[in-house]
Amino acid sequence: MWKWKGQYSINYLVSSTPNSHPDSPPLLLVHGFGASIPHWRRNIGTLAKSYTVYAIHLLGFGASDKPAGYSYTMEAWAQLILDFLDEVVQKPTVLIGNSVGSLACVIAASGIFILTSPWTSDILQLACEETLVPNYPFWYLWFTINLLYFLP
């Protein structure tokens, strides 16, 4: 468990194997609406053979806190992702999301927030260098990320 903002318990899983490449960036898996870490059960073991894999329960889902009256917004979940990268992962990370999780990842990577962490700045810089974000409209990126999940 990780304490977000010093008050919300956020559940996450870390998986790797002795064969995981330490020089490869870690992966963060972010589930969709109504889902949780077990959503990734068929992916985690395979990915962990080559990468350190993190999977997180967003606030309001799974074993994470579900505070009554909290304003559950995409921006809040995106900030949770950025804070998790800053406080827990502490390395440039590949974000992988499904459904609402992909939208939260795109918002987190888009630079809407002031990025104070050297690790989150690296992620944004890499995205800009590879021209992943700036050349496409926001809705196209969200649709593409969701569509890719269903392709073999």
C-alpha atoms as a PDB file:
ATOM      1  CA  MET A   1       0.000   0.000   0.000  1.00  0.00           C
ATOM      2  CA  TRP A   2       1.073   3.523  -0.770  1.00  0.00           C
ATOM      3  CA  LYS A   3      -0.373   6.602   0.940  1.00  0.00           C
ATOM      4  CA  TRP A   4      -1.378   9.188  -1.643  1.00  0.00           C
ATOM      5  CA  LYS A   5      -1.388  12.773  -0.355  1.00  0.00           C
ATOM      6  CA  GLY A   6      -0.725  11.318   3.085  1.00  0.00           C
ATOM      7  CA  GLN A   7      -4.312  10.155   3.497  1.00  0.00           C
ATOM      8  CA  TYR A   8      -5.553   7.769   0.787  1.00  0.00           C
ATOM      9  CA  SER A   9      -4.382   4.142   0.721  1.00  0.00           C
ATOM     10  CA  ILE A  10      -3.597   3.078  -2.837  1.00  0.00           C
ATOM     11  CA  ASN A  11      -3.068  -0.602  -3.565  1.00  0.00           C
ATOM     12  CA  TYR A  12      -0.489  -1.640  -6.130  1.00  0.00           C
ATOM     13  CA  LEU A  13       1.453  -4.685  -7.243  1.00  0.00           C
ATOM     14  CA  VAL A  14       5.063  -4.970  -8.393  1.00  0.00           C
ATOM     15  CA  SER A  15       6.206  -7.963 -10.402  1.00  0.00           C
ATOM     16  CA  SER A  16       9.562  -8.844 -11.948  1.00  0.00           C
ATOM     17  CA  THR A  17      11.744 -11.886 -12.474  1.00  0.00           C
ATOM     18  CA  PRO A  18      15.496 -12.427 -12.186  1.00  0.00           C
ATOM     19  CA  ASN A  19      15.539 -12.166 -15.984  1.00  0.00           C
ATOM     20  CA  SER A  20      13.911  -8.718 -16.038  1.00  0.00           C
ATOM     21  CA  HIS A  21      16.189  -6.240 -17.767  1.00  0.00           C
ATOM     22  CA  PRO A  22      17.258  -3.635 -15.190  1.00  0.00           C
ATOM     23  CA  ASP A  23      18.028  -1.108 -17.939  1.00  0.00           C
ATOM     24  CA  SER A  24      14.526  -1.363 -19.432  1.00  0.00           C
ATOM     25  CA  PRO A  25      11.994   1.177 -18.220  1.00  0.00           C
ATOM     26  CA  PRO A  26       9.383  -0.162 -15.820  1.00  0.00           C
ATOM     27  CA  LEU A  27       5.774  -0.495 -16.973  1.00  0.00           C
ATOM     28  CA  LEU A  28       2.752   0.904 -15.150  1.00  0.00           C
ATOM     29  CA  LEU A  29      -0.549  -0.822 -15.923  1.00  0.00           C
ATOM     30  CA  VAL A  30      -3.664   1.274 -15.243  1.00  0.00           C
ATOM     31  CA  HIS A  31      -7.030  -0.514 -15.332  1.00  0.00           C
ATOM     32  CA  GLY A  32     -10.271   0.727 -16.817  1.00  0.00           C
ATOM     33  CA  PHE A  33     -13.582   1.727 -15.277  1.00  0.00           C
ATOM     34  CA  GLY A  34     -15.088  -0.995 -13.112  1.00  0.00           C
ATOM     35  CA  ALA A  35     -11.873  -3.035 -13.284  1.00  0.00           C
ATOM     36  CA  SER A  36      -8.872  -3.626 -11.052  1.00  0.00           C
ATOM     37  CA  ILE A  37      -5.399  -5.176 -11.044  1.00  0.00           C
ATOM     38  CA  PRO A  38      -6.740  -8.683 -11.872  1.00  0.00           C
ATOM     39  CA  HIS A  39      -7.820  -7.172 -15.206  1.00  0.00           C
ATOM     40  CA  TRP A  40      -4.144  -7.542 -16.182  1.00  0.00           C
ATOM     41  CA  ARG A  41      -3.734 -11.133 -14.885  1.00  0.00           C
ATOM     42  CA  ARG A  42      -2.865 -12.534 -18.328  1.00  0.00           C
ATOM     43  CA  ASN A  43      -0.335  -9.793 -19.046  1.00  0.00           C
ATOM     44  CA  ILE A  44       1.625  -9.279 -15.829  1.00  0.00           C
ATOM     45  CA  GLY A  45       3.524 -12.584 -15.803  1.00  0.00           C
ATOM     46  CA  THR A  46       4.541 -12.334 -19.437  1.00  0.00           C
ATOM     47  CA  LEU A  47       5.597  -8.682 -19.194  1.00  0.00           C
ATOM     48  CA  ALA A  48       7.494  -9.325 -15.930  1.00  0.00           C
ATOM     49  CA  LYS A  49       9.831 -11.702 -17.790  1.00  0.00           C
ATOM     50  CA  SER A  50      11.442  -8.648 -19.394  1.00  0.00           C
ATOM     51  CA  TYR A  51      10.307  -5.647 -17.339  1.00  0.00           C
ATOM     52  CA  THR A  52       9.530  -4.567 -13.836  1.00  0.00           C
ATOM     53  CA  VAL A  53       5.743  -4.277 -13.923  1.00  0.00           C
ATOM     54  CA  TYR A  54       3.669  -2.079 -11.662  1.00  0.00           C
ATOM     55  CA  ALA A  55      -0.121  -2.305 -11.613  1.00  0.00           C
ATOM     56  CA  ILE A  56      -2.178   0.144  -9.594  1.00  0.00           C
ATOM     57  CA  HIS A  57      -5.705   0.339  -8.255  1.00  0.00           C
ATOM     58  CA  LEU A  58      -6.930   3.862  -8.945  1.00  0.00           C
ATOM     59  CA  LEU A  59      -8.595   5.683  -6.074  1.00  0.00           C
ATOM     60  CA  GLY A  60     -12.155   4.354  -5.804  1.00  0.00           C
ATOM     61  CA  PHE A  61     -11.360   0.916  -7.264  1.00  0.00           C
ATOM     62  CA  GLY A  62     -10.178  -2.484  -6.070  1.00  0.00           C
ATOM     63  CA  ALA A  63      -8.382  -2.493  -2.724  1.00  0.00           C
ATOM     64  CA  SER A  64      -7.659   1.262  -2.810  1.00  0.00           C
ATOM     65  CA  ASP A  65      -9.612   3.686  -0.645  1.00  0.00           C
ATOM     66  CA  LYS A  66     -13.061   4.759  -1.793  1.00  0.00           C
ATOM     67  CA  PRO A  67     -13.619   8.046   0.042  1.00  0.00           C
ATOM     68  CA  ALA A  68     -17.233   9.176   0.135  1.00  0.00           C
ATOM     69  CA  GLY A  69     -17.791  12.596  -1.370  1.00  0.00           C
ATOM     70  CA  TYR A  70     -14.463  12.597  -3.221  1.00  0.00           C
ATOM     71  CA  SER A  71     -14.540  14.244  -6.648  1.00  0.00           C
ATOM     72  CA  TYR A  72     -13.428  11.356  -8.872  1.00  0.00           C
ATOM     73  CA  THR A  73     -12.156  13.097 -12.005  1.00  0.00           C
ATOM     74  CA  MET A  74      -9.810  12.144 -14.809  1.00  0.00           C
ATOM     75  CA  GLU A  75      -7.483  14.915 -13.672  1.00  0.00           C
ATOM     76  CA  ALA A  76      -7.380  13.513 -10.127  1.00  0.00           C
ATOM     77  CA  TRP A  77      -6.519  10.032 -11.425  1.00  0.00           C
ATOM     78  CA  ALA A  78      -3.875  11.508 -13.740  1.00  0.00           C
ATOM     79  CA  GLN A  79      -2.330  13.346 -10.795  1.00  0.00           C
ATOM     80  CA  LEU A  80      -2.411  10.112  -8.787  1.00  0.00           C
ATOM     81  CA  ILE A  81      -0.446   8.430 -11.604  1.00  0.00           C
ATOM     82  CA  LEU A  82       2.136  11.236 -11.692  1.00  0.00           C
ATOM     83  CA  ASP A  83       2.531  11.183  -7.906  1.00  0.00           C
ATOM     84  CA  PHE A  84       2.888   7.379  -7.951  1.00  0.00           C
ATOM     85  CA  LEU A  85       5.659   7.648 -10.533  1.00  0.00           C
ATOM     86  CA  ASP A  86       7.378  10.350  -8.498  1.00  0.00           C
ATOM     87  CA  GLU A  87       7.107   8.720  -5.072  1.00  0.00           C
ATOM     88  CA  VAL A  88       7.134   4.978  -5.772  1.00  0.00           C
ATOM     89  CA  VAL A  89       8.585   4.110  -9.186  1.00  0.00           C
ATOM     90  CA  GLN A  90      11.129   6.959  -9.371  1.00  0.00           C
ATOM     91  CA  LYS A  91      12.235   6.109 -12.917  1.00  0.00           C
ATOM     92  CA  PRO A  92      11.075   6.969 -16.424  1.00  0.00           C
ATOM     93  CA  THR A  93       8.112   4.646 -16.985  1.00  0.00           C
ATOM     94  CA  VAL A  94       6.000   3.344 -19.839  1.00  0.00           C
ATOM     95  CA  LEU A  95       2.305   3.988 -19.119  1.00  0.00           C
ATOM     96  CA  ILE A  96      -0.158   1.340 -20.313  1.00  0.00           C
ATOM     97  CA  GLY A  97      -3.864   1.902 -19.775  1.00  0.00           C
ATOM     98  CA  ASN A  98      -7.182   0.373 -20.685  1.00  0.00           C
ATOM     99  CA  SER A  99     -10.396   2.346 -21.131  1.00  0.00           C
ATOM    100  CA  VAL A 100     -10.536   5.078 -18.480  1.00  0.00           C
ATOM    101  CA  GLY A 101      -7.015   4.056 -17.446  1.00  0.00           C
ATOM    102  CA  SER A 102      -5.704   4.933 -20.897  1.00  0.00           C
ATOM    103  CA  LEU A 103      -7.378   8.324 -20.747  1.00  0.00           C
ATOM    104  CA  ALA A 104      -5.824   8.993 -17.323  1.00  0.00           C
ATOM    105  CA  CYS A 105      -2.418   7.979 -18.751  1.00  0.00           C
ATOM    106  CA  VAL A 106      -2.778  10.306 -21.742  1.00  0.00           C
ATOM    107  CA  ILE A 107      -3.786  13.208 -19.479  1.00  0.00           C
ATOM    108  CA  ALA A 108      -0.847  12.464 -17.156  1.00  0.00           C
ATOM    109  CA  ALA A 109       1.583  12.386 -20.084  1.00  0.00           C
ATOM    110  CA  SER A 110       0.096  15.420 -21.822  1.00  0.00           C
ATOM    111  CA  GLY A 111       1.716  17.989 -19.574  1.00  0.00           C
ATOM    112  CA  ILE A 112      -1.526  19.462 -18.219  1.00  0.00           C
ATOM    113  CA  PHE A 113       0.034  19.342 -14.766  1.00  0.00           C
ATOM    114  CA  ILE A 114       3.152  21.135 -13.596  1.00  0.00           C
ATOM    115  CA  LEU A 115       5.786  18.436 -13.670  1.00  0.00           C
ATOM    116  CA  THR A 116       8.149  18.875 -10.768  1.00  0.00           C
ATOM    117  CA  SER A 117       9.660  15.389 -10.771  1.00  0.00           C
ATOM    118  CA  PRO A 118      12.744  14.620 -12.842  1.00  0.00           C
ATOM    119  CA  TRP A 119      11.179  11.228 -13.677  1.00  0.00           C
ATOM    120  CA  THR A 120       7.856  12.570 -14.944  1.00  0.00           C
ATOM    121  CA  SER A 121       9.722  15.247 -16.909  1.00  0.00           C
ATOM    122  CA  ASP A 122      11.678  12.489 -18.672  1.00  0.00           C
ATOM    123  CA  ILE A 123       8.426  10.777 -19.629  1.00  0.00           C
ATOM    124  CA  LEU A 124       7.014  13.967 -21.135  1.00  0.00           C
ATOM    125  CA  GLN A 125      10.296  14.724 -22.915  1.00  0.00           C
ATOM    126  CA  LEU A 126      10.386  11.215 -24.412  1.00  0.00           C
ATOM    127  CA  ALA A 127       6.777  11.534 -25.605  1.00  0.00           C
ATOM    128  CA  CYS A 128       7.556  14.867 -27.271  1.00  0.00           C
ATOM    129  CA  GLU A 129      10.779  13.606 -28.873  1.00  0.00           C
ATOM    130  CA  GLU A 130       8.990  10.598 -30.324  1.00  0.00           C
ATOM    131  CA  THR A 131       6.120  12.864 -31.482  1.00  0.00           C
ATOM    132  CA  LEU A 132       3.540  10.640 -29.812  1.00  0.00           C
ATOM    133  CA  VAL A 133       1.355  13.378 -28.382  1.00  0.00           C
ATOM    134  CA  PRO A 134       1.737  16.706 -30.223  1.00  0.00           C
ATOM    135  CA  ASN A 135       0.776  15.577 -33.742  1.00  0.00           C
ATOM    136  CA  TYR A 136      -2.587  13.980 -32.975  1.00  0.00           C
ATOM    137  CA  PRO A 137      -5.837  15.304 -31.542  1.00  0.00           C
ATOM    138  CA  PHE A 138      -6.598  14.168 -28.017  1.00  0.00           C
ATOM    139  CA  TRP A 139      -9.636  12.051 -28.999  1.00  0.00           C
ATOM    140  CA  TYR A 140      -7.576  10.179 -31.604  1.00  0.00           C
ATOM    141  CA  LEU A 141      -4.955   9.169 -29.038  1.00  0.00           C
ATOM    142  CA  TRP A 142      -7.611   7.959 -26.607  1.00  0.00           C
ATOM    143  CA  PHE A 143      -9.403   5.936 -29.302  1.00  0.00           C
ATOM    144  CA  THR A 144      -6.148   4.473 -30.611  1.00  0.00           C
ATOM    145  CA  ILE A 145      -4.936   3.384 -27.177  1.00  0.00           C
ATOM    146  CA  ASN A 146      -8.272   1.697 -26.499  1.00  0.00           C
ATOM    147  CA  LEU A 147      -8.406   0.056 -29.931  1.00  0.00           C
ATOM    148  CA  LEU A 148      -4.886  -1.320 -29.628  1.00  0.00           C
ATOM    149  CA  TYR A 149      -5.896  -3.184 -26.471  1.00  0.00           C
ATOM    150  CA  PHE A 150      -8.268  -5.352 -28.498  1.00  0.00           C
ATOM    151  CA  LEU A 151      -5.915  -6.090 -31.396  1.00  0.00           C
ATOM    152  CA  PRO A 152      -3.992  -9.406 -31.333  1.00  0.00           C
END
